[in-house]
Amino acid sequence: MDAPLYLQLAQRLSQHIAQGTFAPGEQFPSVRQLMKTHQISMSTAVQVCHTLEDWGLLQARPRSGYYVDAAPRAGLSRASEALPTRRLTQPDSFTGLHATIARWLDLLEATPPRINFMTGVGAPELYPTAALQRLAASALRQHPEVMTQMTRRYGHPDFLAVLAKRAATRGMQLRADQITVTNGAIEALTLALRALCQPGDTVAVESPTFYGALQALEALGLRPLELPTSPSTGLSVEALAMALDDPRTPIRALLCMPTLHNPLGCTMPDAHKRAVLQLCGEHGVPIIEDDIYADMGAAASHCQPIKAMDETGLVIHCSSLNKSLAPGMRIGWMSAGRWQARVEMLKYSQSRFPEELGQIVLARFLASKSHDRYLRRLQQDLRERRQALADEVARCFGDQVKLTPPDGGLFLWLELPAGVSAMQLGHDALARGIHIAPGPLFSGQPRMDRFVRLSAGMASRADITDGMRSLSELMAQQLQPPGGGAMH
């Protein structure tokens, strides 16, 4: 099936911008002009503008409309695409990776950050804390029993109803009884893996991928099979097809993050999502879809997850509000398709009842108009923070570092020059009070020591300037010839 109309039009207009049809700094056609010229609805026109803005091609000016971004992008080239598919790794390459991740996280905990480019959430001021506090006080007055009575096994009915309604806005037709509330998204992922796999089974994963998922796989005795993943379009469909056809490594499940991937920041095109679903369906391989970052980009929040395309219950969809609304509440959920009954049994045996006060609070906020306003503001704030960080990377590193602009979310994924170790850079930065996420946290592949994930969520503008200057100095030290001066 073709990509959505808004995405087709956004891609076409991005080509016009690249070709100079719209000059840098020139006012872009208004929403009404786009509606008239292309015979589209207002919502489609708005999505087109949001998508181009997320791609860094447009800037919104208050009461003035959209303008073609005049900010220079020189000095940054795109990060490397996926590895050649003929070089798929064997599924034992992650053995012991948990120890690497745990050691790094222990170091970070022992060294409070002066500048934080590591944490995968936004700064406290980005979240609607005061509104949630008021709702919590009100909910506790109206429902004091939540502190003294046993809660429901699968979730509070108000919260489940709101989740089902929100799912419908992204094309997922779910009933409230098809959703299970969990203690954050990581419990949802763990339950999905337990429902599908036995120790020793092979699970296909993106490379790189979220280190928490790799820790969960190792804790369950599962063998991750690393598949090449592009910072532009996500999981390589060709690599997945090769892996599924290889009789030496039968795959029990695919674990993927198609929307605003962590750490790459990319969103998989709909055509790729459908191809992944078709391939897995043909081979009888379930898909575990981690959809936790979808609200953190204007275009991403409207795109369909793979779950919306699933007509046979093959996809287990996992999400939470830990990143986009309430990091401290640790409330997630999942819809497990064919495995719903097994997931409910495992959930009950693992952690019994989910806490309800937070569910009531979040249900009320999600159902209010305040949530939509908040989400637009959050997406704008994150867009500005990502751009400020990308601009400073370009200024400090020039063409030594490669970066593919993300589609939204929190992260920038940088490719370092040959001769620079990301882990060494991380240790050197830690000595200056700067926290970063080196590439080896996200993969067992040695080549990942050439990559770094930077989070734009926590750092101020001053922190970004100071931090990038320090990182560029530390990188220059690694590039310095033995016994010589710094390279120029």
Protein backbone atom coordinates (compact mmCIF):
# COMPACT_ATOMS: atom_id res chain seq x y z
CA MET A 1 0.00 0.00 0.00
CA ASP A 2 1.21 3.51 -0.79
CA ALA A 3 2.42 5.86 1.92
CA PRO A 4 -0.20 8.24 3.40
CA LEU A 5 -1.08 11.24 1.24
CA TYR A 6 0.48 13.74 3.64
CA LEU A 7 3.80 11.83 3.58
CA GLN A 8 3.79 11.54 -0.23
CA LEU A 9 3.21 15.28 -0.54
CA ALA A 10 5.80 16.10 2.12
CA GLN A 11 8.40 14.01 0.27
CA ARG A 12 7.55 15.75 -3.01
CA LEU A 13 7.80 19.22 -1.45
CA SER A 14 11.06 18.31 0.29
CA GLN A 15 12.51 17.57 -3.16
CA HIS A 16 11.34 21.00 -4.35
CA ILE A 17 13.11 22.58 -1.38
CA ALA A 18 16.30 20.61 -2.09
CA GLN A 19 16.17 21.68 -5.75
CA GLY A 20 15.79 25.36 -4.80
CA THR A 21 12.18 25.82 -5.92
CA PHE A 22 11.66 27.31 -2.47
CA ALA A 23 14.70 29.34 -1.44
CA PRO A 24 16.11 29.38 2.12
CA GLY A 25 14.31 32.05 4.13
CA GLU A 26 11.42 32.25 1.66
CA GLN A 27 7.87 32.05 3.00
CA PHE A 28 6.36 28.63 2.40
CA PRO A 29 2.81 28.30 1.04
CA SER A 30 0.19 28.61 3.77
CA VAL A 31 -2.07 25.77 4.86
CA ARG A 32 -4.90 27.28 2.82
CA GLN A 33 -2.67 27.59 -0.24
CA LEU A 34 -1.61 23.94 0.09
CA MET A 35 -5.27 22.93 0.40
CA LYS A 36 -6.17 24.82 -2.77
CA THR A 37 -3.11 23.86 -4.84
CA HIS A 38 -3.10 20.16 -4.00
CA GLN A 39 -6.83 19.64 -3.36
CA ILE A 40 -6.29 18.29 0.15
CA SER A 41 -8.03 18.70 3.49
CA MET A 42 -6.88 21.10 6.18
CA SER A 43 -5.72 18.25 8.44
CA THR A 44 -3.61 16.79 5.61
CA ALA A 45 -2.08 20.20 4.88
CA VAL A 46 -1.23 20.69 8.55
CA GLN A 47 0.39 17.22 8.69
CA VAL A 48 2.47 18.10 5.62
CA CYS A 49 3.79 21.24 7.32
CA HIS A 50 4.46 19.42 10.61
CA THR A 51 6.36 16.69 8.75
CA LEU A 52 8.54 19.17 6.85
CA GLU A 53 9.14 21.00 10.13
CA ASP A 54 10.15 17.75 11.85
CA TRP A 55 12.55 17.08 8.97
CA GLY A 56 14.21 20.43 9.64
CA LEU A 57 13.09 21.96 6.33
CA LEU A 58 10.60 24.53 7.64
CA GLN A 59 10.47 26.94 10.56
CA ALA A 60 7.21 28.14 12.08
CA ARG A 61 7.03 31.85 12.90
CA PRO A 62 4.25 33.07 15.22
CA ARG A 63 1.42 34.81 13.33
CA SER A 64 3.51 34.67 10.16
CA GLY A 65 3.34 31.07 8.90
CA TYR A 66 6.07 28.72 7.73
CA TYR A 67 9.41 29.67 6.17
CA VAL A 68 12.00 27.52 4.45
CA ASP A 69 14.73 26.89 7.00
CA ALA A 70 17.69 29.12 6.27
CA ALA A 71 19.90 27.57 8.94
CA PRO A 72 23.06 26.14 7.36
CA ARG A 73 23.36 22.38 7.42
CA ALA A 74 26.90 22.39 6.06
CA GLY A 75 29.47 20.46 8.00
CA LEU A 76 27.21 17.50 8.69
CA SER A 77 26.85 14.52 6.43
CA ARG A 78 24.48 11.64 6.94
CA ALA A 79 25.42 8.80 9.27
CA SER A 80 26.23 5.47 7.71
CA GLU A 81 23.33 3.41 6.43
CA ALA A 82 22.73 -0.22 7.35
CA LEU A 83 25.48 -2.81 7.04
CA PRO A 84 25.47 -4.96 3.90
CA THR A 85 22.95 -7.71 4.51
CA ARG A 86 25.43 -10.41 3.52
CA ARG A 87 27.22 -9.70 6.79
CA LEU A 88 24.49 -10.67 9.22
CA THR A 89 25.92 -11.64 12.60
CA GLN A 90 25.22 -14.86 14.43
CA PRO A 91 22.76 -14.65 17.33
CA ASP A 92 25.30 -15.13 20.12
CA SER A 93 27.07 -11.78 19.64
CA PHE A 94 25.41 -10.11 22.66
CA THR A 95 26.60 -12.54 25.34
CA GLY A 96 27.65 -10.53 28.38
CA LEU A 97 26.41 -7.20 27.01
CA HIS A 98 24.37 -6.66 30.17
CA ALA A 99 27.62 -6.37 32.13
CA THR A 100 28.87 -3.63 29.79
CA ILE A 101 25.60 -1.72 30.10
CA ALA A 102 25.38 -2.17 33.88
CA ARG A 103 28.97 -1.01 34.43
CA TRP A 104 28.32 2.13 32.40
CA LEU A 105 25.07 2.92 34.23
CA ASP A 106 26.83 2.37 37.58
CA LEU A 107 29.53 4.85 36.56
CA LEU A 108 26.90 7.42 35.64
CA GLU A 109 25.07 6.97 38.95
CA ALA A 110 28.34 7.45 40.84
CA THR A 111 29.08 10.69 38.95
CA PRO A 112 26.17 13.17 39.00
CA PRO A 113 26.07 15.00 35.67
CA ARG A 114 27.11 18.58 35.18
CA ILE A 115 25.74 18.29 31.63
CA ASN A 116 23.35 15.46 30.75
CA PHE A 117 23.20 14.16 27.15
CA MET A 118 22.39 10.62 28.33
CA THR A 119 18.92 10.51 29.85
CA GLY A 120 16.05 9.37 27.63
CA VAL A 121 13.44 11.74 29.05
CA GLY A 122 12.86 15.48 28.85
CA ALA A 123 13.78 18.10 31.43
CA PRO A 124 11.28 18.41 34.34
CA GLU A 125 10.04 21.78 33.09
CA LEU A 126 8.78 20.18 29.87
CA TYR A 127 6.15 18.11 31.70
CA PRO A 128 2.73 19.28 33.05
CA THR A 129 3.63 18.60 36.67
CA ALA A 130 1.30 21.18 38.23
CA ALA A 131 -1.71 19.93 36.26
CA LEU A 132 -0.98 16.32 37.21
CA GLN A 133 -0.59 17.31 40.86
CA ARG A 134 -4.03 18.96 40.87
CA LEU A 135 -5.59 15.93 39.20
CA ALA A 136 -3.92 13.58 41.69
CA ALA A 137 -5.25 15.54 44.67
CA SER A 138 -8.74 15.59 43.18
CA ALA A 139 -8.66 11.88 42.34
CA LEU A 140 -7.52 10.97 45.84
CA ARG A 141 -10.33 13.01 47.41
CA GLN A 142 -12.91 11.34 45.17
CA HIS A 143 -11.45 7.83 45.32
CA PRO A 144 -9.72 7.33 48.70
CA GLU A 145 -10.34 3.61 48.31
CA VAL A 146 -7.43 3.33 45.85
CA MET A 147 -5.10 3.54 48.86
CA THR A 148 -6.75 0.74 50.82
CA GLN A 149 -8.40 -1.69 48.40
CA MET A 150 -7.07 -4.26 45.97
CA THR A 151 -7.01 -2.90 42.43
CA ARG A 152 -8.21 -4.45 39.18
CA ARG A 153 -6.00 -7.06 37.53
CA TYR A 154 -5.68 -5.56 34.04
CA GLY A 155 -6.16 -1.82 34.59
CA HIS A 156 -8.64 0.85 35.66
CA PRO A 157 -11.64 0.97 33.28
CA ASP A 158 -11.38 4.74 32.74
CA PHE A 159 -7.73 4.45 31.73
CA LEU A 160 -8.35 1.45 29.47
CA ALA A 161 -11.21 3.29 27.74
CA VAL A 162 -9.02 6.34 27.06
CA LEU A 163 -6.22 4.14 25.72
CA ALA A 164 -8.62 2.39 23.34
CA LYS A 165 -9.91 5.75 22.10
CA ARG A 166 -6.36 7.05 21.58
CA ALA A 167 -5.41 3.88 19.73
CA ALA A 168 -8.22 4.50 17.25
CA THR A 169 -6.72 7.88 16.28
CA ARG A 170 -3.69 5.97 14.95
CA GLY A 171 -5.64 3.26 13.17
CA MET A 172 -5.67 0.58 15.89
CA GLN A 173 -9.11 -0.89 16.53
CA LEU A 174 -8.75 -2.11 20.11
CA ARG A 175 -11.34 -2.79 22.79
CA ALA A 176 -10.56 -1.93 26.39
CA ASP A 177 -10.48 -5.64 27.26
CA GLN A 178 -7.69 -6.15 24.70
CA ILE A 179 -5.32 -3.89 26.66
CA THR A 180 -3.29 -4.81 29.76
CA VAL A 181 -1.74 -2.13 31.98
CA THR A 182 1.89 -2.77 32.98
CA ASN A 183 4.61 -1.25 35.14
CA GLY A 184 6.14 0.75 32.31
CA ALA A 185 7.00 -0.31 28.78
CA ILE A 186 9.91 -2.51 29.83
CA GLU A 187 7.55 -4.83 31.74
CA ALA A 188 5.35 -4.96 28.64
CA LEU A 189 8.35 -5.99 26.50
CA THR A 190 9.41 -8.58 29.07
CA LEU A 191 5.91 -10.06 29.26
CA ALA A 192 5.76 -10.25 25.46
CA LEU A 193 9.10 -12.07 25.31
CA ARG A 194 8.05 -14.48 28.06
CA ALA A 195 4.76 -15.17 26.30
CA LEU A 196 6.49 -16.03 23.02
CA CYS A 197 9.88 -17.51 23.84
CA GLN A 198 11.79 -20.11 25.80
CA PRO A 199 15.41 -19.74 26.99
CA GLY A 200 17.76 -20.35 24.07
CA ASP A 201 15.34 -19.04 21.44
CA THR A 202 16.52 -16.48 18.88
CA VAL A 203 14.87 -13.05 18.70
CA ALA A 204 15.57 -10.74 15.75
CA VAL A 205 16.40 -7.19 16.84
CA GLU A 206 17.35 -3.94 15.16
CA SER A 207 21.00 -2.90 15.29
CA PRO A 208 21.45 -0.61 17.10
CA THR A 209 18.56 -0.90 19.53
CA PHE A 210 17.50 0.24 23.02
CA TYR A 211 19.89 -1.20 25.59
CA GLY A 212 17.07 -1.96 28.05
CA ALA A 213 15.61 -4.40 25.53
CA LEU A 214 19.01 -6.09 25.17
CA GLN A 215 19.24 -6.45 28.94
CA ALA A 216 15.76 -8.02 29.03
CA LEU A 217 16.73 -10.51 26.32
CA GLU A 218 19.87 -11.54 28.15
CA ALA A 219 18.04 -11.84 31.48
CA LEU A 220 15.55 -14.23 29.86
CA GLY A 221 18.28 -16.35 28.26
CA LEU A 222 17.31 -15.34 24.72
CA ARG A 223 19.71 -14.95 21.78
CA PRO A 224 19.39 -11.66 19.88
CA LEU A 225 20.03 -11.77 16.13
CA GLU A 226 21.23 -8.35 15.03
CA LEU A 227 19.70 -6.96 11.83
CA PRO A 228 21.07 -3.89 10.00
CA THR A 229 19.01 -0.76 10.60
CA SER A 230 19.20 2.49 8.64
CA PRO A 231 19.18 5.87 10.41
CA SER A 232 16.86 7.05 7.63
CA THR A 233 14.32 4.25 7.12
CA GLY A 234 14.78 1.82 10.00
CA LEU A 235 15.02 -1.96 9.88
CA SER A 236 16.39 -3.44 6.65
CA VAL A 237 13.56 -5.41 5.06
CA GLU A 238 16.09 -7.27 2.90
CA ALA A 239 18.08 -8.34 5.96
CA LEU A 240 14.92 -9.50 7.71
CA ALA A 241 13.95 -11.59 4.67
CA MET A 242 17.39 -13.21 4.60
CA ALA A 243 17.27 -13.98 8.31
CA LEU A 244 13.79 -15.49 8.12
CA ASP A 245 14.86 -17.71 5.21
CA ASP A 246 17.99 -18.98 6.99
CA PRO A 247 17.25 -22.45 8.44
CA ARG A 248 20.33 -22.29 10.69
CA THR A 249 18.78 -19.67 12.97
CA PRO A 250 15.02 -20.13 13.39
CA ILE A 251 13.61 -16.85 14.66
CA ARG A 252 10.98 -16.97 17.40
CA ALA A 253 10.04 -13.25 17.37
CA LEU A 254 10.98 -9.85 15.96
CA LEU A 255 11.46 -6.99 18.43
CA CYS A 256 11.40 -3.57 16.75
CA MET A 257 10.74 0.15 17.28
CA PRO A 258 9.35 1.45 13.95
CA THR A 259 8.33 4.92 15.19
CA LEU A 260 11.01 7.36 16.44
CA HIS A 261 13.55 4.62 16.96
CA ASN A 262 15.86 4.69 19.96
CA PRO A 263 18.72 5.52 19.38
CA LEU A 264 18.43 6.45 15.67
CA GLY A 265 15.38 8.74 15.82
CA CYS A 266 13.99 7.48 12.49
CA THR A 267 10.47 6.39 11.59
CA MET A 268 10.02 3.42 9.28
CA PRO A 269 8.02 4.25 6.11
CA ASP A 270 4.59 2.63 5.97
CA ALA A 271 5.61 0.56 2.95
CA HIS A 272 8.45 -0.95 5.00
CA LYS A 273 6.11 -1.62 7.92
CA ARG A 274 3.74 -3.53 5.66
CA ALA A 275 6.63 -5.48 4.15
CA VAL A 276 7.88 -6.42 7.63
CA LEU A 277 4.37 -7.51 8.65
CA GLN A 278 3.94 -9.57 5.48
CA LEU A 279 7.32 -11.29 5.85
CA CYS A 280 6.72 -12.16 9.49
CA GLY A 281 3.20 -13.35 8.69
CA GLU A 282 4.47 -15.65 5.95
CA HIS A 283 6.99 -17.19 8.35
CA GLY A 284 4.70 -17.25 11.39
CA VAL A 285 7.01 -14.97 13.38
CA PRO A 286 5.29 -12.67 15.92
CA ILE A 287 6.24 -8.99 16.08
CA ILE A 288 6.81 -7.14 19.37
CA GLU A 289 6.36 -3.45 18.56
CA ASP A 290 7.82 -0.89 20.99
CA ASP A 291 5.86 2.33 20.38
CA ILE A 292 6.94 4.39 23.36
CA TYR A 293 8.18 7.54 21.56
CA ALA A 294 5.32 8.09 19.08
CA ASP A 295 3.94 11.18 20.86
CA MET A 296 7.30 12.97 20.72
CA GLY A 297 7.10 14.12 17.09
CA ALA A 298 4.29 15.97 15.32
CA ALA A 299 4.34 13.69 12.27
CA ALA A 300 5.09 10.51 14.23
CA SER A 301 2.08 10.99 16.49
CA HIS A 302 -0.19 10.65 13.44
CA CYS A 303 1.55 7.73 11.72
CA GLN A 304 0.24 4.20 11.91
CA PRO A 305 2.07 1.60 13.98
CA ILE A 306 2.47 -1.89 12.58
CA LYS A 307 -0.29 -2.96 14.97
CA ALA A 308 -2.78 -0.86 12.97
CA MET A 309 -1.95 -2.90 9.86
CA ASP A 310 -2.26 -6.26 11.63
CA GLU A 311 -5.45 -8.19 10.85
CA THR A 312 -4.45 -11.56 12.34
CA GLY A 313 -3.25 -10.71 15.87
CA LEU A 314 0.42 -11.26 14.99
CA VAL A 315 1.65 -8.00 16.58
CA ILE A 316 2.11 -7.39 20.31
CA HIS A 317 1.96 -3.61 20.74
CA CYS A 318 3.75 -2.08 23.76
CA SER A 319 3.78 1.54 24.90
CA SER A 320 3.75 3.90 27.89
CA LEU A 321 3.64 7.55 28.91
CA ASN A 322 7.01 7.38 30.68
CA LYS A 323 8.72 9.50 28.03
CA SER A 324 6.01 11.83 26.78
CA LEU A 325 4.01 12.74 29.90
CA ALA A 326 4.93 11.31 33.30
CA PRO A 327 8.38 9.68 33.65
CA GLY A 328 7.94 9.06 37.37
CA MET A 329 4.66 7.15 37.17
CA ARG A 330 6.00 4.06 35.34
CA ILE A 331 2.66 3.21 33.74
CA GLY A 332 2.68 1.27 30.47
CA TRP A 333 0.36 -1.00 28.56
CA MET A 334 0.24 -3.66 25.88
CA SER A 335 -2.17 -5.29 23.47
CA ALA A 336 -1.01 -8.83 22.82
CA GLY A 337 -3.25 -10.07 20.00
CA ARG A 338 -3.27 -13.88 19.89
CA TRP A 339 -1.29 -14.02 23.13
CA GLN A 340 -3.54 -11.75 25.22
CA ALA A 341 -4.70 -14.50 27.61
CA ARG A 342 -1.14 -15.76 28.16
CA VAL A 343 0.15 -12.22 28.79
CA GLU A 344 -2.61 -11.62 31.34
CA MET A 345 -1.67 -14.82 33.16
CA LEU A 346 2.03 -13.90 33.16
CA LYS A 347 1.29 -10.36 34.30
CA TYR A 348 -0.80 -11.60 37.22
CA SER A 349 1.85 -14.11 38.27
CA GLN A 350 4.68 -11.57 37.90
CA SER A 351 3.41 -8.35 39.50
CA ARG A 352 -0.27 -8.86 40.32
CA PHE A 353 -2.26 -5.62 40.20
CA PRO A 354 -1.17 -2.34 38.55
CA GLU A 355 -1.32 0.79 40.72
CA GLU A 356 -4.57 2.71 40.05
CA LEU A 357 -4.17 6.28 41.31
CA GLY A 358 -1.77 7.11 38.50
CA GLN A 359 -4.11 5.52 35.96
CA ILE A 360 -7.02 7.69 37.13
CA VAL A 361 -4.87 10.83 36.94
CA LEU A 362 -3.55 10.03 33.47
CA ALA A 363 -7.00 9.04 32.19
CA ARG A 364 -8.38 12.44 33.18
CA PHE A 365 -5.48 14.34 31.65
CA LEU A 366 -5.52 12.35 28.41
CA ALA A 367 -9.27 12.95 28.03
CA SER A 368 -8.91 16.73 28.44
CA LYS A 369 -8.17 19.40 25.86
CA SER A 370 -5.13 20.27 27.96
CA HIS A 371 -3.39 17.13 26.72
CA ASP A 372 -3.53 18.11 23.05
CA ARG A 373 -2.21 21.60 23.84
CA TYR A 374 0.52 20.16 26.03
CA LEU A 375 1.57 17.66 23.37
CA ARG A 376 1.90 20.36 20.70
CA ARG A 377 4.05 22.42 23.05
CA LEU A 378 6.20 19.42 23.98
CA GLN A 379 6.79 18.55 20.33
CA GLN A 380 7.76 22.15 19.55
CA ASP A 381 10.11 22.33 22.55
CA LEU A 382 11.82 19.07 21.59
CA ARG A 383 12.11 20.19 17.97
CA GLU A 384 13.90 23.36 19.09
CA ARG A 385 16.17 21.45 21.46
CA ARG A 386 17.13 18.90 18.79
CA GLN A 387 17.87 21.67 16.31
CA ALA A 388 19.96 23.62 18.81
CA LEU A 389 21.99 20.49 19.54
CA ALA A 390 22.39 19.62 15.85
CA ASP A 391 23.50 23.17 15.05
CA GLU A 392 26.12 23.07 17.80
CA VAL A 393 27.35 19.66 16.62
CA ALA A 394 27.81 21.14 13.14
CA ARG A 395 29.60 24.20 14.51
CA CYS A 396 31.99 22.30 16.80
CA PHE A 397 32.70 19.15 14.78
CA GLY A 398 32.31 20.30 11.18
CA ASP A 399 32.51 17.48 8.66
CA GLN A 400 34.35 15.17 11.07
CA VAL A 401 31.06 13.87 12.47
CA LYS A 402 28.13 12.46 10.49
CA LEU A 403 24.53 12.96 11.54
CA THR A 404 21.21 11.96 10.00
CA PRO A 405 18.51 14.41 11.20
CA PRO A 406 15.94 12.48 13.28
CA ASP A 407 12.21 12.46 12.54
CA GLY A 408 11.41 13.58 16.08
CA GLY A 409 11.94 12.45 19.64
CA LEU A 410 14.91 13.14 21.90
CA PHE A 411 18.01 11.74 20.25
CA LEU A 412 20.79 12.51 17.79
CA TRP A 413 22.89 9.57 16.54
CA LEU A 414 26.42 10.63 15.62
CA GLU A 415 29.03 8.72 13.65
CA LEU A 416 32.54 9.58 14.82
CA PRO A 417 35.62 9.68 12.59
CA ALA A 418 37.93 6.69 12.22
CA GLY A 419 40.34 6.48 15.11
CA VAL A 420 37.89 7.73 17.75
CA SER A 421 36.46 5.33 20.34
CA ALA A 422 32.99 6.19 21.60
CA MET A 423 33.59 4.38 24.90
CA GLN A 424 36.84 6.27 25.44
CA LEU A 425 35.05 9.51 24.60
CA GLY A 426 32.36 8.60 27.11
CA HIS A 427 34.90 7.97 29.89
CA ASP A 428 36.80 11.17 29.09
CA ALA A 429 33.54 13.14 29.06
CA LEU A 430 32.53 11.61 32.38
CA ALA A 431 35.70 13.03 33.93
CA ARG A 432 34.37 16.47 32.96
CA GLY A 433 30.91 15.75 34.34
CA ILE A 434 29.32 15.16 30.93
CA HIS A 435 27.07 12.12 30.43
CA ILE A 436 26.69 10.59 26.96
CA ALA A 437 25.58 7.19 25.62
CA PRO A 438 28.36 5.40 23.68
CA GLY A 439 27.33 3.16 20.79
CA PRO A 440 28.43 -0.15 22.39
CA LEU A 441 25.49 0.14 24.81
CA PHE A 442 23.12 -0.41 21.89
CA SER A 443 24.72 -3.37 20.12
CA GLY A 444 27.27 -6.14 20.44
CA GLN A 445 28.93 -5.14 17.16
CA PRO A 446 32.48 -3.73 17.50
CA ARG A 447 31.70 -1.12 14.82
CA MET A 448 29.29 0.57 17.25
CA ASP A 449 32.30 2.03 19.07
CA ARG A 450 32.25 4.62 16.26
CA PHE A 451 28.82 5.95 17.31
CA VAL A 452 27.35 8.08 20.10
CA ARG A 453 23.77 8.85 21.11
CA LEU A 454 23.13 12.35 22.44
CA SER A 455 19.85 13.25 24.14
CA ALA A 456 18.50 16.77 23.64
CA GLY A 457 15.94 16.39 26.42
CA MET A 458 17.76 17.62 29.52
CA ALA A 459 20.47 20.07 28.44
CA SER A 460 19.98 23.85 28.38
CA ARG A 461 21.28 26.02 25.54
CA ALA A 462 24.31 26.93 27.65
CA ASP A 463 24.89 23.24 28.45
CA ILE A 464 24.73 22.38 24.75
CA THR A 465 27.35 24.99 23.87
CA ASP A 466 29.66 24.00 26.73
CA GLY A 467 29.13 20.26 26.23
CA MET A 468 29.78 20.19 22.49
CA ARG A 469 32.91 22.29 22.89
CA SER A 470 34.21 19.85 25.50
CA LEU A 471 33.36 16.78 23.41
CA SER A 472 35.08 18.25 20.35
CA GLU A 473 38.21 18.89 22.43
CA LEU A 474 38.17 15.33 23.75
CA MET A 475 37.70 13.92 20.27
CA ALA A 476 40.62 15.99 19.01
CA GLN A 477 42.80 14.48 21.74
CA GLN A 478 42.03 10.97 20.45
CA LEU A 479 42.91 12.05 16.90
CA GLN A 480 46.21 13.58 18.01
CA PRO A 481 49.19 11.66 16.52
CA PRO A 482 51.38 9.85 19.08
CA GLY A 483 54.03 12.26 20.29
CA GLY A 484 52.63 15.08 18.16
CA GLY A 485 50.48 18.14 18.54
CA ALA A 486 46.77 18.35 17.94
CA MET A 487 45.63 17.84 14.37
CA HIS A 488 44.47 20.91 12.43
